[in-house]
Amino acid sequence: MKVKYTPSFLRKYKKLPIALQEEVEEKIILFSKNLKHPSLKAHKLKGKLEGIYSFSVNYAYRILFLYEDKKTVKLLGIGTHKVYE
């Protein structure tokens, strides 16, 4: 799976602590290899975020993404559960 990044995602990513950035990188690599890996807990969102998906970095942090096509996803945002608001 090809992964693209929005400028908004990159800005938020750069503000994270280095240790968390490393964890994010590991999860993105895992995500690109296996979208359905159980540790990612990837799922479709509902409500005002309908059509957007999310996967877990750790207990607190999530990454929002969107399918551009069958082989490409775009990472939209990263943050705690407040990223859903």
N, C-alpha and C. Protein backbone atom coordinates (compact mmCIF):
# COMPACT_ATOMS: atom_id res chain seq x y z
N MET A 1 0.85 -1.17 0.00
CA MET A 1 0.00 0.00 0.00
C MET A 1 0.90 1.24 0.00
N LYS A 2 0.61 2.16 -0.87
CA LYS A 2 1.34 3.42 -0.93
C LYS A 2 0.70 4.38 0.08
N VAL A 3 1.53 5.09 0.83
CA VAL A 3 1.05 6.02 1.85
C VAL A 3 1.48 7.44 1.49
N LYS A 4 0.50 8.34 1.44
CA LYS A 4 0.77 9.76 1.22
C LYS A 4 0.45 10.52 2.50
N TYR A 5 1.00 11.71 2.64
CA TYR A 5 0.82 12.52 3.84
C TYR A 5 0.29 13.90 3.49
N THR A 6 -0.69 14.37 4.23
CA THR A 6 -1.15 15.74 4.05
C THR A 6 -0.21 16.68 4.81
N PRO A 7 -0.11 17.94 4.40
CA PRO A 7 0.71 18.89 5.15
C PRO A 7 0.27 19.00 6.62
N SER A 8 -1.02 18.92 6.86
CA SER A 8 -1.55 18.98 8.22
C SER A 8 -1.03 17.82 9.06
N PHE A 9 -1.04 16.61 8.50
CA PHE A 9 -0.51 15.45 9.21
C PHE A 9 0.95 15.67 9.56
N LEU A 10 1.74 16.11 8.59
CA LEU A 10 3.18 16.30 8.81
C LEU A 10 3.47 17.35 9.88
N ARG A 11 2.69 18.44 9.90
CA ARG A 11 2.88 19.46 10.94
C ARG A 11 2.63 18.89 12.33
N LYS A 12 1.55 18.14 12.47
CA LYS A 12 1.23 17.54 13.77
C LYS A 12 2.26 16.49 14.16
N TYR A 13 2.70 15.72 13.20
CA TYR A 13 3.70 14.67 13.45
C TYR A 13 5.00 15.28 13.98
N LYS A 14 5.45 16.37 13.38
CA LYS A 14 6.71 17.01 13.77
C LYS A 14 6.67 17.58 15.18
N LYS A 15 5.47 17.84 15.70
CA LYS A 15 5.33 18.39 17.05
C LYS A 15 5.34 17.30 18.14
N LEU A 16 5.28 16.03 17.72
CA LEU A 16 5.25 14.93 18.68
C LEU A 16 6.65 14.69 19.26
N PRO A 17 6.73 14.14 20.47
CA PRO A 17 8.04 13.76 21.03
C PRO A 17 8.72 12.72 20.13
N ILE A 18 10.04 12.71 20.13
CA ILE A 18 10.81 11.82 19.26
C ILE A 18 10.42 10.35 19.45
N ALA A 19 10.27 9.92 20.69
CA ALA A 19 9.92 8.51 20.95
C ALA A 19 8.57 8.16 20.31
N LEU A 20 7.63 9.09 20.38
CA LEU A 20 6.32 8.86 19.78
C LEU A 20 6.41 8.89 18.26
N GLN A 21 7.25 9.76 17.72
CA GLN A 21 7.46 9.79 16.27
C GLN A 21 7.98 8.44 15.78
N GLU A 22 8.90 7.85 16.52
CA GLU A 22 9.44 6.54 16.14
C GLU A 22 8.35 5.47 16.17
N GLU A 23 7.48 5.52 17.18
CA GLU A 23 6.37 4.58 17.28
C GLU A 23 5.41 4.76 16.10
N VAL A 24 5.16 6.01 15.74
CA VAL A 24 4.28 6.31 14.60
C VAL A 24 4.88 5.74 13.32
N GLU A 25 6.16 5.93 13.12
CA GLU A 25 6.83 5.40 11.92
C GLU A 25 6.69 3.88 11.84
N GLU A 26 6.89 3.20 12.97
CA GLU A 26 6.75 1.74 13.00
C GLU A 26 5.33 1.32 12.62
N LYS A 27 4.33 2.02 13.14
CA LYS A 27 2.94 1.67 12.84
C LYS A 27 2.59 1.95 11.39
N ILE A 28 3.13 3.02 10.83
CA ILE A 28 2.86 3.34 9.42
C ILE A 28 3.48 2.25 8.53
N ILE A 29 4.66 1.79 8.86
CA ILE A 29 5.29 0.71 8.09
C ILE A 29 4.43 -0.55 8.18
N LEU A 30 4.00 -0.89 9.39
CA LEU A 30 3.14 -2.05 9.59
C LEU A 30 1.84 -1.89 8.80
N PHE A 31 1.25 -0.69 8.86
CA PHE A 31 0.02 -0.38 8.14
C PHE A 31 0.20 -0.55 6.64
N SER A 32 1.32 -0.07 6.10
CA SER A 32 1.55 -0.15 4.66
C SER A 32 1.72 -1.60 4.19
N LYS A 33 2.17 -2.47 5.10
CA LYS A 33 2.36 -3.87 4.75
C LYS A 33 1.10 -4.70 4.97
N ASN A 34 0.31 -4.35 5.99
CA ASN A 34 -0.87 -5.14 6.34
C ASN A 34 -1.93 -4.23 6.96
N LEU A 35 -2.83 -3.73 6.14
CA LEU A 35 -3.87 -2.80 6.61
C LEU A 35 -4.74 -3.39 7.72
N LYS A 36 -4.85 -4.70 7.74
CA LYS A 36 -5.76 -5.35 8.67
C LYS A 36 -5.04 -6.00 9.85
N HIS A 37 -3.82 -5.57 10.13
CA HIS A 37 -3.10 -6.14 11.27
C HIS A 37 -3.89 -5.85 12.55
N PRO A 38 -4.11 -6.86 13.39
CA PRO A 38 -4.96 -6.68 14.58
C PRO A 38 -4.50 -5.58 15.53
N SER A 39 -3.20 -5.35 15.65
CA SER A 39 -2.72 -4.33 16.60
C SER A 39 -3.08 -2.91 16.15
N LEU A 40 -3.40 -2.73 14.87
CA LEU A 40 -3.75 -1.40 14.38
C LEU A 40 -5.19 -1.01 14.70
N LYS A 41 -6.04 -1.99 14.85
CA LYS A 41 -7.46 -1.74 15.15
C LYS A 41 -8.08 -0.75 14.16
N ALA A 42 -7.76 -0.92 12.89
CA ALA A 42 -8.28 -0.02 11.85
C ALA A 42 -9.79 -0.17 11.74
N HIS A 43 -10.46 0.97 11.59
CA HIS A 43 -11.91 0.94 11.47
C HIS A 43 -12.43 2.19 10.76
N LYS A 44 -13.62 2.05 10.21
CA LYS A 44 -14.30 3.14 9.52
C LYS A 44 -14.99 4.01 10.56
N LEU A 45 -14.94 5.32 10.37
CA LEU A 45 -15.57 6.24 11.31
C LEU A 45 -16.99 6.56 10.88
N LYS A 46 -17.76 7.04 11.83
CA LYS A 46 -19.17 7.38 11.57
C LYS A 46 -19.42 8.84 11.90
N GLY A 47 -20.64 9.27 11.67
CA GLY A 47 -21.02 10.64 12.00
C GLY A 47 -20.38 11.65 11.09
N LYS A 48 -19.89 12.74 11.67
CA LYS A 48 -19.33 13.82 10.85
C LYS A 48 -18.03 13.42 10.15
N LEU A 49 -17.42 12.30 10.58
CA LEU A 49 -16.20 11.81 9.94
C LEU A 49 -16.45 10.61 9.03
N GLU A 50 -17.70 10.44 8.63
CA GLU A 50 -18.06 9.31 7.77
C GLU A 50 -17.22 9.34 6.49
N GLY A 51 -16.74 8.18 6.10
CA GLY A 51 -15.90 8.07 4.92
C GLY A 51 -14.41 8.12 5.23
N ILE A 52 -14.08 8.45 6.47
CA ILE A 52 -12.69 8.49 6.93
C ILE A 52 -12.47 7.27 7.82
N TYR A 53 -11.23 6.81 7.86
CA TYR A 53 -10.85 5.65 8.66
C TYR A 53 -9.82 6.06 9.70
N SER A 54 -9.59 5.17 10.65
CA SER A 54 -8.65 5.43 11.72
C SER A 54 -7.91 4.15 12.09
N PHE A 55 -6.65 4.29 12.51
CA PHE A 55 -5.95 3.16 13.12
C PHE A 55 -5.15 3.65 14.31
N SER A 56 -4.86 2.73 15.22
CA SER A 56 -4.20 3.05 16.49
C SER A 56 -2.69 3.02 16.36
N VAL A 57 -2.06 4.02 16.98
CA VAL A 57 -0.60 4.03 17.14
C VAL A 57 -0.29 3.35 18.48
N ASN A 58 -1.01 3.78 19.51
CA ASN A 58 -0.92 3.19 20.84
C ASN A 58 -2.26 3.42 21.52
N TYR A 59 -2.30 3.25 22.82
CA TYR A 59 -3.58 3.39 23.51
C TYR A 59 -4.18 4.78 23.35
N ALA A 60 -3.34 5.80 23.30
CA ALA A 60 -3.84 7.18 23.28
C ALA A 60 -3.90 7.81 21.89
N TYR A 61 -3.00 7.45 21.00
CA TYR A 61 -2.90 8.15 19.71
C TYR A 61 -3.49 7.37 18.55
N ARG A 62 -4.14 8.12 17.64
CA ARG A 62 -4.78 7.57 16.46
C ARG A 62 -4.32 8.33 15.23
N ILE A 63 -4.38 7.65 14.09
CA ILE A 63 -4.10 8.28 12.80
C ILE A 63 -5.36 8.18 11.95
N LEU A 64 -5.78 9.31 11.39
CA LEU A 64 -6.92 9.34 10.48
C LEU A 64 -6.40 9.22 9.06
N PHE A 65 -7.10 8.43 8.25
CA PHE A 65 -6.68 8.25 6.87
C PHE A 65 -7.88 8.09 5.95
N LEU A 66 -7.59 8.24 4.67
CA LEU A 66 -8.61 8.18 3.63
C LEU A 66 -8.04 7.36 2.47
N TYR A 67 -8.86 6.50 1.90
CA TYR A 67 -8.44 5.75 0.71
C TYR A 67 -8.55 6.66 -0.50
N GLU A 68 -7.43 6.84 -1.21
CA GLU A 68 -7.48 7.58 -2.48
C GLU A 68 -7.91 6.64 -3.60
N ASP A 69 -7.41 5.43 -3.56
CA ASP A 69 -7.80 4.36 -4.48
C ASP A 69 -7.43 3.05 -3.81
N LYS A 70 -7.49 1.95 -4.54
CA LYS A 70 -7.28 0.63 -3.93
C LYS A 70 -5.85 0.41 -3.46
N LYS A 71 -4.90 1.19 -3.96
CA LYS A 71 -3.50 0.99 -3.62
C LYS A 71 -2.87 2.17 -2.89
N THR A 72 -3.64 3.21 -2.59
CA THR A 72 -3.09 4.42 -1.99
C THR A 72 -3.98 4.94 -0.87
N VAL A 73 -3.36 5.27 0.25
CA VAL A 73 -4.08 5.94 1.34
C VAL A 73 -3.39 7.27 1.63
N LYS A 74 -4.17 8.21 2.15
CA LYS A 74 -3.62 9.52 2.52
C LYS A 74 -3.84 9.69 4.03
N LEU A 75 -2.75 9.94 4.76
CA LEU A 75 -2.84 10.18 6.19
C LEU A 75 -3.25 11.63 6.41
N LEU A 76 -4.34 11.81 7.13
CA LEU A 76 -4.95 13.13 7.29
C LEU A 76 -4.58 13.82 8.59
N GLY A 77 -4.52 13.05 9.68
CA GLY A 77 -4.28 13.67 10.97
C GLY A 77 -3.78 12.66 11.97
N ILE A 78 -3.22 13.17 13.05
CA ILE A 78 -2.74 12.32 14.14
C ILE A 78 -3.00 13.04 15.46
N GLY A 79 -3.37 12.27 16.47
CA GLY A 79 -3.58 12.87 17.78
C GLY A 79 -4.28 11.90 18.71
N THR A 80 -4.64 12.42 19.87
CA THR A 80 -5.37 11.64 20.85
C THR A 80 -6.80 11.49 20.35
N HIS A 81 -7.68 10.99 21.18
CA HIS A 81 -9.07 10.82 20.77
C HIS A 81 -9.72 12.16 20.35
N LYS A 82 -9.11 13.26 20.73
CA LYS A 82 -9.63 14.57 20.32
C LYS A 82 -9.50 14.77 18.81
N VAL A 83 -8.68 13.95 18.15
CA VAL A 83 -8.52 14.06 16.70
C VAL A 83 -9.86 13.76 16.00
N TYR A 84 -10.77 13.08 16.69
CA TYR A 84 -12.08 12.77 16.12
C TYR A 84 -13.03 13.96 16.17
N GLU A 85 -12.68 14.98 16.91
CA GLU A 85 -13.60 16.13 17.08
C GLU A 85 -13.47 17.12 15.94
